[in-house]
Amino acid sequence: MSTTPPADPELLAAARRFAQEAGALTLDWFRGSDLNLEHKGDGTPVTAADKASEARLRLLIGDFAPDDTILGEEEGLSTGSSGRRWIIDPIDGTKAFTRGVPLYSTLVAVEDEHGPAVGVIELPALGQRVFAGRGLGCFVADARGERPARVSATDTVGSAMLTTSGFGSWSTEQVVAVHGCGALLRTWGDGYGYAMVATGVADAMVDPIVAEWDVAPMSIILTEAGGRFTALDGTEGADRGSGLGTNGLIHDYLMAVLPH
């Protein structure tokens, strides 16, 4: 039995509140004509909504925990002295956001001295959020209220629904391997794909290439929902460059058949 202490419920409540407020801010630009779209050095898009949402998150976190470290997609690293770290992505799925697709998310994660502590996937345009704290469980909240979130019971890949952010980052070998398993393949991706796995709608989410802020909340969310999150090679952590989130039952099989 694990001796790692549970996360502070107040920390989870704060992360939920901050993600919801920053996510709501993105709706001011969603499907609007004033996105002020730019492209970063790596070619990925950034909008006024990304910048405003991250600025709001940093302000909220700074007021709540001024000595904590913050790593964000748009503004990089702000080093603190507390030993606790927040990882934030103001809009995960910016490309979809700029096209008016409502499946983008605002992601907030917190790590403490024991590892992943809190994770939130906020889906502003859907009015839904999935959140978890270490030892506190995983939950989904929407217009129907708040309830526990659990992964599916699908135990064979041939019966599984597998989703991804897109096949542009997949190798031909990876596509062939998964197609040969007989899984139903879909592309409801980014944070939304992991939310689907945590709530039992999908059975697996595959990201061959990701940044840390893209998947920082997923380990604690999927673990508390009864599933599993690793890199494609099975290593733990959000900073390994890839992500595999599953219901746990088909995790080892997917790791075995997916080239990495």
C-alpha atoms as a PDB file:
ATOM      1  CA  MET A   1       0.000   0.000   0.000  1.00  0.00           C
ATOM      2  CA  SER A   2       1.337   3.428  -0.950  1.00  0.00           C
ATOM      3  CA  THR A   3       2.552   5.660   1.854  1.00  0.00           C
ATOM      4  CA  THR A   4       2.520   8.756  -0.334  1.00  0.00           C
ATOM      5  CA  PRO A   5       0.217  11.293   1.316  1.00  0.00           C
ATOM      6  CA  PRO A   6      -2.862  12.550  -0.512  1.00  0.00           C
ATOM      7  CA  ALA A   7      -2.841  15.939  -2.164  1.00  0.00           C
ATOM      8  CA  ASP A   8      -4.183  18.934  -0.293  1.00  0.00           C
ATOM      9  CA  PRO A   9      -7.896  19.284  -1.195  1.00  0.00           C
ATOM     10  CA  GLU A  10      -7.495  23.066  -1.091  1.00  0.00           C
ATOM     11  CA  LEU A  11      -4.788  22.810  -3.740  1.00  0.00           C
ATOM     12  CA  LEU A  12      -7.109  20.806  -5.986  1.00  0.00           C
ATOM     13  CA  ALA A  13      -9.924  23.299  -5.399  1.00  0.00           C
ATOM     14  CA  ALA A  14      -7.621  26.169  -6.331  1.00  0.00           C
ATOM     15  CA  ALA A  15      -6.400  24.449  -9.500  1.00  0.00           C
ATOM     16  CA  ARG A  16      -9.983  23.773 -10.540  1.00  0.00           C
ATOM     17  CA  ARG A  17     -10.966  27.367  -9.918  1.00  0.00           C
ATOM     18  CA  PHE A  18      -7.982  28.777 -11.793  1.00  0.00           C
ATOM     19  CA  ALA A  19      -8.472  26.480 -14.798  1.00  0.00           C
ATOM     20  CA  GLN A  20     -12.160  27.340 -14.967  1.00  0.00           C
ATOM     21  CA  GLU A  21     -11.531  31.081 -14.818  1.00  0.00           C
ATOM     22  CA  ALA A  22      -8.722  31.016 -17.379  1.00  0.00           C
ATOM     23  CA  GLY A  23     -10.731  28.700 -19.617  1.00  0.00           C
ATOM     24  CA  ALA A  24     -13.766  30.964 -19.467  1.00  0.00           C
ATOM     25  CA  LEU A  25     -11.557  33.830 -20.604  1.00  0.00           C
ATOM     26  CA  THR A  26     -10.752  31.988 -23.846  1.00  0.00           C
ATOM     27  CA  LEU A  27     -14.423  32.087 -24.794  1.00  0.00           C
ATOM     28  CA  ASP A  28     -14.096  35.836 -25.329  1.00  0.00           C
ATOM     29  CA  TRP A  29     -12.079  34.997 -28.469  1.00  0.00           C
ATOM     30  CA  PHE A  30     -13.541  31.620 -29.449  1.00  0.00           C
ATOM     31  CA  ARG A  31     -15.028  31.739 -32.963  1.00  0.00           C
ATOM     32  CA  GLY A  32     -14.242  35.444 -33.078  1.00  0.00           C
ATOM     33  CA  SER A  33     -12.418  37.427 -35.729  1.00  0.00           C
ATOM     34  CA  ASP A  34      -9.870  39.116 -33.467  1.00  0.00           C
ATOM     35  CA  LEU A  35      -7.588  36.185 -32.599  1.00  0.00           C
ATOM     36  CA  ASN A  36      -4.371  38.098 -33.456  1.00  0.00           C
ATOM     37  CA  LEU A  37      -2.938  34.846 -34.740  1.00  0.00           C
ATOM     38  CA  GLU A  38       0.852  34.554 -34.740  1.00  0.00           C
ATOM     39  CA  HIS A  39       3.301  31.706 -35.209  1.00  0.00           C
ATOM     40  CA  LYS A  40       6.080  30.823 -32.793  1.00  0.00           C
ATOM     41  CA  GLY A  41       9.584  29.769 -33.765  1.00  0.00           C
ATOM     42  CA  ASP A  42       8.542  26.122 -34.003  1.00  0.00           C
ATOM     43  CA  GLY A  43       5.688  26.987 -36.363  1.00  0.00           C
ATOM     44  CA  THR A  44       2.897  26.362 -33.857  1.00  0.00           C
ATOM     45  CA  PRO A  45       0.160  29.003 -33.596  1.00  0.00           C
ATOM     46  CA  VAL A  46      -0.462  31.320 -30.680  1.00  0.00           C
ATOM     47  CA  THR A  47      -3.385  33.682 -30.268  1.00  0.00           C
ATOM     48  CA  ALA A  48      -4.381  36.575 -28.046  1.00  0.00           C
ATOM     49  CA  ALA A  49      -6.512  34.069 -26.145  1.00  0.00           C
ATOM     50  CA  ASP A  50      -3.485  31.862 -25.355  1.00  0.00           C
ATOM     51  CA  LYS A  51      -1.557  34.831 -24.028  1.00  0.00           C
ATOM     52  CA  ALA A  52      -4.410  36.289 -21.991  1.00  0.00           C
ATOM     53  CA  SER A  53      -5.355  32.921 -20.492  1.00  0.00           C
ATOM     54  CA  GLU A  54      -1.804  32.128 -19.423  1.00  0.00           C
ATOM     55  CA  ALA A  55      -1.369  35.607 -17.973  1.00  0.00           C
ATOM     56  CA  ARG A  56      -4.533  35.088 -15.929  1.00  0.00           C
ATOM     57  CA  LEU A  57      -3.338  31.697 -14.703  1.00  0.00           C
ATOM     58  CA  ARG A  58       0.017  33.125 -13.652  1.00  0.00           C
ATOM     59  CA  LEU A  59      -1.676  35.964 -11.803  1.00  0.00           C
ATOM     60  CA  LEU A  60      -4.035  33.607  -9.968  1.00  0.00           C
ATOM     61  CA  ILE A  61      -1.282  31.138  -9.062  1.00  0.00           C
ATOM     62  CA  GLY A  62       1.040  33.944  -7.986  1.00  0.00           C
ATOM     63  CA  ASP A  63      -1.568  35.346  -5.615  1.00  0.00           C
ATOM     64  CA  PHE A  64      -2.319  31.888  -4.202  1.00  0.00           C
ATOM     65  CA  ALA A  65       1.220  30.535  -3.942  1.00  0.00           C
ATOM     66  CA  PRO A  66       3.813  33.239  -4.683  1.00  0.00           C
ATOM     67  CA  ASP A  67       6.791  30.955  -3.993  1.00  0.00           C
ATOM     68  CA  ASP A  68       5.754  28.175  -6.375  1.00  0.00           C
ATOM     69  CA  THR A  69       7.470  27.524  -9.703  1.00  0.00           C
ATOM     70  CA  ILE A  70       5.357  27.916 -12.857  1.00  0.00           C
ATOM     71  CA  LEU A  71       6.074  26.339 -16.246  1.00  0.00           C
ATOM     72  CA  GLY A  72       3.801  27.523 -19.043  1.00  0.00           C
ATOM     73  CA  GLU A  73       3.692  27.015 -22.780  1.00  0.00           C
ATOM     74  CA  GLU A  74       3.687  30.688 -23.683  1.00  0.00           C
ATOM     75  CA  GLU A  75       5.849  32.357 -21.033  1.00  0.00           C
ATOM     76  CA  GLY A  76       8.223  29.563 -20.097  1.00  0.00           C
ATOM     77  CA  LEU A  77       9.631  28.991 -16.618  1.00  0.00           C
ATOM     78  CA  SER A  78       9.261  31.221 -13.565  1.00  0.00           C
ATOM     79  CA  THR A  79      11.337  29.681 -10.797  1.00  0.00           C
ATOM     80  CA  GLY A  80      10.091  29.644  -7.211  1.00  0.00           C
ATOM     81  CA  SER A  81      11.564  28.481  -3.915  1.00  0.00           C
ATOM     82  CA  SER A  82       8.798  26.310  -2.438  1.00  0.00           C
ATOM     83  CA  GLY A  83       9.656  23.045  -4.194  1.00  0.00           C
ATOM     84  CA  ARG A  84       6.174  22.898  -5.725  1.00  0.00           C
ATOM     85  CA  ARG A  85       5.631  23.354  -9.476  1.00  0.00           C
ATOM     86  CA  TRP A  86       2.627  24.268 -11.606  1.00  0.00           C
ATOM     87  CA  ILE A  87       2.560  23.250 -15.290  1.00  0.00           C
ATOM     88  CA  ILE A  88       0.011  25.126 -17.376  1.00  0.00           C
ATOM     89  CA  ASP A  89      -1.218  25.111 -20.954  1.00  0.00           C
ATOM     90  CA  PRO A  90      -3.731  27.927 -21.536  1.00  0.00           C
ATOM     91  CA  ILE A  91      -5.106  26.401 -24.744  1.00  0.00           C
ATOM     92  CA  ASP A  92      -4.227  22.817 -25.543  1.00  0.00           C
ATOM     93  CA  GLY A  93      -5.357  22.438 -29.130  1.00  0.00           C
ATOM     94  CA  THR A  94      -4.760  25.962 -30.411  1.00  0.00           C
ATOM     95  CA  LYS A  95      -5.040  24.849 -34.036  1.00  0.00           C
ATOM     96  CA  ALA A  96      -8.520  23.463 -33.334  1.00  0.00           C
ATOM     97  CA  PHE A  97      -9.381  26.598 -31.349  1.00  0.00           C
ATOM     98  CA  THR A  98      -8.529  28.852 -34.298  1.00  0.00           C
ATOM     99  CA  ARG A  99     -10.870  26.829 -36.535  1.00  0.00           C
ATOM    100  CA  GLY A 100     -13.770  27.013 -34.096  1.00  0.00           C
ATOM    101  CA  VAL A 101     -13.569  23.383 -32.925  1.00  0.00           C
ATOM    102  CA  PRO A 102     -14.922  23.209 -29.342  1.00  0.00           C
ATOM    103  CA  LEU A 103     -12.665  20.370 -28.135  1.00  0.00           C
ATOM    104  CA  TYR A 104      -9.726  22.496 -26.955  1.00  0.00           C
ATOM    105  CA  SER A 105      -8.827  22.579 -23.269  1.00  0.00           C
ATOM    106  CA  THR A 106      -7.072  24.543 -20.551  1.00  0.00           C
ATOM    107  CA  LEU A 107      -4.676  22.309 -18.630  1.00  0.00           C
ATOM    108  CA  VAL A 108      -3.384  22.791 -15.089  1.00  0.00           C
ATOM    109  CA  ALA A 109      -1.151  20.401 -13.167  1.00  0.00           C
ATOM    110  CA  VAL A 110       0.719  20.645  -9.880  1.00  0.00           C
ATOM    111  CA  GLU A 111       3.708  18.608  -8.732  1.00  0.00           C
ATOM    112  CA  ASP A 112       4.949  18.521  -5.140  1.00  0.00           C
ATOM    113  CA  GLU A 113       7.816  16.728  -3.412  1.00  0.00           C
ATOM    114  CA  HIS A 114       5.981  13.413  -3.857  1.00  0.00           C
ATOM    115  CA  GLY A 115       5.360  13.789  -7.597  1.00  0.00           C
ATOM    116  CA  PRO A 116       2.140  14.524  -9.518  1.00  0.00           C
ATOM    117  CA  ALA A 117      -0.411  15.935  -7.087  1.00  0.00           C
ATOM    118  CA  VAL A 118      -3.237  17.627  -8.980  1.00  0.00           C
ATOM    119  CA  GLY A 119      -4.501  17.648 -12.563  1.00  0.00           C
ATOM    120  CA  VAL A 120      -7.299  19.531 -14.323  1.00  0.00           C
ATOM    121  CA  ILE A 121      -8.602  19.307 -17.893  1.00  0.00           C
ATOM    122  CA  GLU A 122     -10.945  22.255 -18.411  1.00  0.00           C
ATOM    123  CA  LEU A 123     -13.099  22.138 -21.574  1.00  0.00           C
ATOM    124  CA  PRO A 124     -14.532  25.667 -21.748  1.00  0.00           C
ATOM    125  CA  ALA A 125     -16.580  25.377 -24.935  1.00  0.00           C
ATOM    126  CA  LEU A 126     -18.155  22.124 -23.710  1.00  0.00           C
ATOM    127  CA  GLY A 127     -18.842  23.318 -20.172  1.00  0.00           C
ATOM    128  CA  GLN A 128     -17.032  20.284 -18.778  1.00  0.00           C
ATOM    129  CA  ARG A 129     -13.987  19.604 -16.618  1.00  0.00           C
ATOM    130  CA  VAL A 130     -12.173  16.467 -15.475  1.00  0.00           C
ATOM    131  CA  PHE A 131      -9.995  16.800 -12.397  1.00  0.00           C
ATOM    132  CA  ALA A 132      -8.154  14.679  -9.864  1.00  0.00           C
ATOM    133  CA  GLY A 133      -5.954  14.894  -6.807  1.00  0.00           C
ATOM    134  CA  ARG A 134      -3.559  12.250  -5.533  1.00  0.00           C
ATOM    135  CA  GLY A 135      -5.520  10.016  -3.197  1.00  0.00           C
ATOM    136  CA  LEU A 136      -8.644  12.130  -3.681  1.00  0.00           C
ATOM    137  CA  GLY A 137     -10.154  10.428  -6.723  1.00  0.00           C
ATOM    138  CA  CYS A 138     -10.993  11.621 -10.231  1.00  0.00           C
ATOM    139  CA  PHE A 139     -14.194  13.460 -11.090  1.00  0.00           C
ATOM    140  CA  VAL A 140     -16.044  14.930 -14.037  1.00  0.00           C
ATOM    141  CA  ALA A 141     -18.257  17.997 -13.741  1.00  0.00           C
ATOM    142  CA  ASP A 142     -20.671  19.401 -16.320  1.00  0.00           C
ATOM    143  CA  ALA A 143     -24.295  20.470 -16.662  1.00  0.00           C
ATOM    144  CA  ARG A 144     -25.338  17.136 -15.125  1.00  0.00           C
ATOM    145  CA  GLY A 145     -23.415  17.858 -11.946  1.00  0.00           C
ATOM    146  CA  GLU A 146     -20.275  16.365 -10.449  1.00  0.00           C
ATOM    147  CA  ARG A 147     -19.607  12.635 -10.293  1.00  0.00           C
ATOM    148  CA  PRO A 148     -16.711  10.167 -10.088  1.00  0.00           C
ATOM    149  CA  ALA A 149     -14.849   9.475 -13.314  1.00  0.00           C
ATOM    150  CA  ARG A 150     -13.736   5.927 -14.122  1.00  0.00           C
ATOM    151  CA  VAL A 151     -11.996   4.367 -17.084  1.00  0.00           C
ATOM    152  CA  SER A 152     -13.625   1.676 -19.206  1.00  0.00           C
ATOM    153  CA  ALA A 153     -13.493  -2.066 -18.658  1.00  0.00           C
ATOM    154  CA  THR A 154     -12.482  -2.896 -22.244  1.00  0.00           C
ATOM    155  CA  ASP A 155      -9.814  -5.577 -21.982  1.00  0.00           C
ATOM    156  CA  THR A 156      -8.986  -6.334 -25.615  1.00  0.00           C
ATOM    157  CA  VAL A 157      -7.504  -3.946 -28.157  1.00  0.00           C
ATOM    158  CA  GLY A 158      -9.702  -5.405 -30.879  1.00  0.00           C
ATOM    159  CA  SER A 159     -12.746  -4.066 -29.026  1.00  0.00           C
ATOM    160  CA  ALA A 160     -11.143  -0.758 -28.044  1.00  0.00           C
ATOM    161  CA  MET A 161     -11.718   2.790 -29.199  1.00  0.00           C
ATOM    162  CA  LEU A 162      -8.355   4.499 -29.587  1.00  0.00           C
ATOM    163  CA  THR A 163      -8.011   8.218 -30.184  1.00  0.00           C
ATOM    164  CA  THR A 164      -5.167  10.608 -30.972  1.00  0.00           C
ATOM    165  CA  SER A 165      -4.504  14.272 -31.638  1.00  0.00           C
ATOM    166  CA  GLY A 166      -3.826  13.505 -35.305  1.00  0.00           C
ATOM    167  CA  PHE A 167      -1.841  11.103 -37.427  1.00  0.00           C
ATOM    168  CA  GLY A 168       0.640  13.723 -38.660  1.00  0.00           C
ATOM    169  CA  SER A 169       3.015  12.836 -35.815  1.00  0.00           C
ATOM    170  CA  TRP A 170       2.651   9.075 -36.285  1.00  0.00           C
ATOM    171  CA  SER A 171       5.182   6.989 -38.164  1.00  0.00           C
ATOM    172  CA  THR A 172       3.896   4.663 -40.870  1.00  0.00           C
ATOM    173  CA  GLU A 173       4.924   1.741 -38.672  1.00  0.00           C
ATOM    174  CA  GLN A 174       2.831   3.021 -35.760  1.00  0.00           C
ATOM    175  CA  VAL A 175      -0.253   3.481 -37.932  1.00  0.00           C
ATOM    176  CA  VAL A 176       0.120   0.001 -39.419  1.00  0.00           C
ATOM    177  CA  ALA A 177       0.648  -1.555 -35.980  1.00  0.00           C
ATOM    178  CA  VAL A 178      -2.492  -0.062 -34.451  1.00  0.00           C
ATOM    179  CA  HIS A 179      -4.580  -0.641 -37.555  1.00  0.00           C
ATOM    180  CA  GLY A 180      -3.570  -4.293 -37.455  1.00  0.00           C
ATOM    181  CA  CYS A 181      -4.854  -4.619 -33.881  1.00  0.00           C
ATOM    182  CA  GLY A 182      -8.422  -4.046 -34.999  1.00  0.00           C
ATOM    183  CA  ALA A 183      -9.004  -1.033 -32.729  1.00  0.00           C
ATOM    184  CA  LEU A 184     -11.500   1.621 -33.726  1.00  0.00           C
ATOM    185  CA  LEU A 185      -9.374   4.664 -34.568  1.00  0.00           C
ATOM    186  CA  ARG A 186     -10.585   8.236 -34.059  1.00  0.00           C
ATOM    187  CA  THR A 187      -8.955  11.664 -33.821  1.00  0.00           C
ATOM    188  CA  TRP A 188     -10.606  13.390 -30.882  1.00  0.00           C
ATOM    189  CA  GLY A 189      -7.345  14.494 -29.410  1.00  0.00           C
ATOM    190  CA  ASP A 190      -5.347  16.831 -27.211  1.00  0.00           C
ATOM    191  CA  GLY A 191      -6.591  17.122 -23.617  1.00  0.00           C
ATOM    192  CA  TYR A 192     -10.086  16.105 -24.697  1.00  0.00           C
ATOM    193  CA  GLY A 193      -8.833  12.679 -25.745  1.00  0.00           C
ATOM    194  CA  TYR A 194      -7.409  12.020 -22.289  1.00  0.00           C
ATOM    195  CA  ALA A 195     -10.640  13.276 -20.708  1.00  0.00           C
ATOM    196  CA  MET A 196     -12.486  10.698 -22.790  1.00  0.00           C
ATOM    197  CA  VAL A 197     -10.236   7.934 -21.501  1.00  0.00           C
ATOM    198  CA  ALA A 198     -10.623   9.076 -17.879  1.00  0.00           C
ATOM    199  CA  THR A 199     -14.414   9.031 -18.199  1.00  0.00           C
ATOM    200  CA  GLY A 200     -14.604   5.668 -19.984  1.00  0.00           C
ATOM    201  CA  VAL A 201     -15.760   7.049 -23.344  1.00  0.00           C
ATOM    202  CA  ALA A 202     -12.541   6.023 -25.105  1.00  0.00           C
ATOM    203  CA  ASP A 203     -10.142   3.262 -24.092  1.00  0.00           C
ATOM    204  CA  ALA A 204      -6.786   4.715 -25.128  1.00  0.00           C
ATOM    205  CA  MET A 205      -5.192   7.986 -26.212  1.00  0.00           C
ATOM    206  CA  VAL A 206      -1.882   8.014 -28.096  1.00  0.00           C
ATOM    207  CA  ASP A 207       0.427  11.008 -28.569  1.00  0.00           C
ATOM    208  CA  PRO A 208       3.700  10.054 -30.303  1.00  0.00           C
ATOM    209  CA  ILE A 209       5.053  13.594 -29.837  1.00  0.00           C
ATOM    210  CA  VAL A 210       4.085  15.940 -26.985  1.00  0.00           C
ATOM    211  CA  ALA A 211       5.514  18.681 -24.801  1.00  0.00           C
ATOM    212  CA  GLU A 212       5.380  18.450 -21.016  1.00  0.00           C
ATOM    213  CA  TRP A 213       2.571  20.998 -20.675  1.00  0.00           C
ATOM    214  CA  ASP A 214       0.435  18.989 -23.132  1.00  0.00           C
ATOM    215  CA  VAL A 215       0.194  15.998 -20.788  1.00  0.00           C
ATOM    216  CA  ALA A 216       1.224  17.165 -17.297  1.00  0.00           C
ATOM    217  CA  PRO A 217      -2.236  16.553 -15.729  1.00  0.00           C
ATOM    218  CA  MET A 218      -2.732  13.132 -17.298  1.00  0.00           C
ATOM    219  CA  SER A 219      -0.764  10.903 -14.938  1.00  0.00           C
ATOM    220  CA  ILE A 220      -2.717  11.839 -11.823  1.00  0.00           C
ATOM    221  CA  ILE A 221      -6.042  12.069 -13.665  1.00  0.00           C
ATOM    222  CA  LEU A 222      -5.776   8.640 -15.262  1.00  0.00           C
ATOM    223  CA  THR A 223      -4.277   6.987 -12.191  1.00  0.00           C
ATOM    224  CA  GLU A 224      -7.087   8.256  -9.973  1.00  0.00           C
ATOM    225  CA  ALA A 225      -9.647   7.190 -12.605  1.00  0.00           C
ATOM    226  CA  GLY A 226      -8.262   3.641 -12.531  1.00  0.00           C
ATOM    227  CA  GLY A 227      -6.146   3.884 -15.676  1.00  0.00           C
ATOM    228  CA  ARG A 228      -2.530   4.446 -16.564  1.00  0.00           C
ATOM    229  CA  PHE A 229      -0.336   7.049 -18.250  1.00  0.00           C
ATOM    230  CA  THR A 230       3.239   6.626 -19.497  1.00  0.00           C
ATOM    231  CA  ALA A 231       5.400   7.519 -22.466  1.00  0.00           C
ATOM    232  CA  LEU A 232       5.228   5.092 -25.387  1.00  0.00           C
ATOM    233  CA  ASP A 233       8.301   3.298 -24.055  1.00  0.00           C
ATOM    234  CA  GLY A 234       6.679   2.810 -20.645  1.00  0.00           C
ATOM    235  CA  THR A 235       8.678   5.401 -18.735  1.00  0.00           C
ATOM    236  CA  GLU A 236       6.864   7.553 -16.203  1.00  0.00           C
ATOM    237  CA  GLY A 237       6.571  11.322 -16.433  1.00  0.00           C
ATOM    238  CA  ALA A 238       5.089  14.043 -18.603  1.00  0.00           C
ATOM    239  CA  ASP A 239       8.487  15.161 -19.914  1.00  0.00           C
ATOM    240  CA  ARG A 240       9.370  12.046 -21.923  1.00  0.00           C
ATOM    241  CA  GLY A 241       8.256  13.410 -25.296  1.00  0.00           C
ATOM    242  CA  SER A 242       5.306  11.087 -25.908  1.00  0.00           C
ATOM    243  CA  GLY A 243       2.126  10.022 -24.163  1.00  0.00           C
ATOM    244  CA  LEU A 244       0.024   6.881 -23.843  1.00  0.00           C
ATOM    245  CA  GLY A 245      -3.080   7.067 -21.697  1.00  0.00           C
ATOM    246  CA  THR A 246      -5.281   3.998 -21.320  1.00  0.00           C
ATOM    247  CA  ASN A 247      -7.752   2.229 -19.089  1.00  0.00           C
ATOM    248  CA  GLY A 248      -4.779   0.176 -17.867  1.00  0.00           C
ATOM    249  CA  LEU A 249      -6.093  -3.119 -19.189  1.00  0.00           C
ATOM    250  CA  ILE A 250      -4.705  -2.653 -22.710  1.00  0.00           C
ATOM    251  CA  HIS A 251      -1.705  -0.512 -21.800  1.00  0.00           C
ATOM    252  CA  ASP A 252       1.027  -3.141 -21.941  1.00  0.00           C
ATOM    253  CA  TYR A 253      -0.264  -4.531 -25.214  1.00  0.00           C
ATOM    254  CA  LEU A 254      -0.228  -1.107 -26.885  1.00  0.00           C
ATOM    255  CA  MET A 255       3.265  -0.408 -25.595  1.00  0.00           C
ATOM    256  CA  ALA A 256       4.399  -3.717 -27.050  1.00  0.00           C
ATOM    257  CA  VAL A 257       2.972  -3.172 -30.521  1.00  0.00           C
ATOM    258  CA  LEU A 258       3.617   0.574 -30.954  1.00  0.00           C
ATOM    259  CA  PRO A 259       7.126   1.342 -32.267  1.00  0.00           C
ATOM    260  CA  HIS A 260       8.849   4.116 -30.320  1.00  0.00           C
END
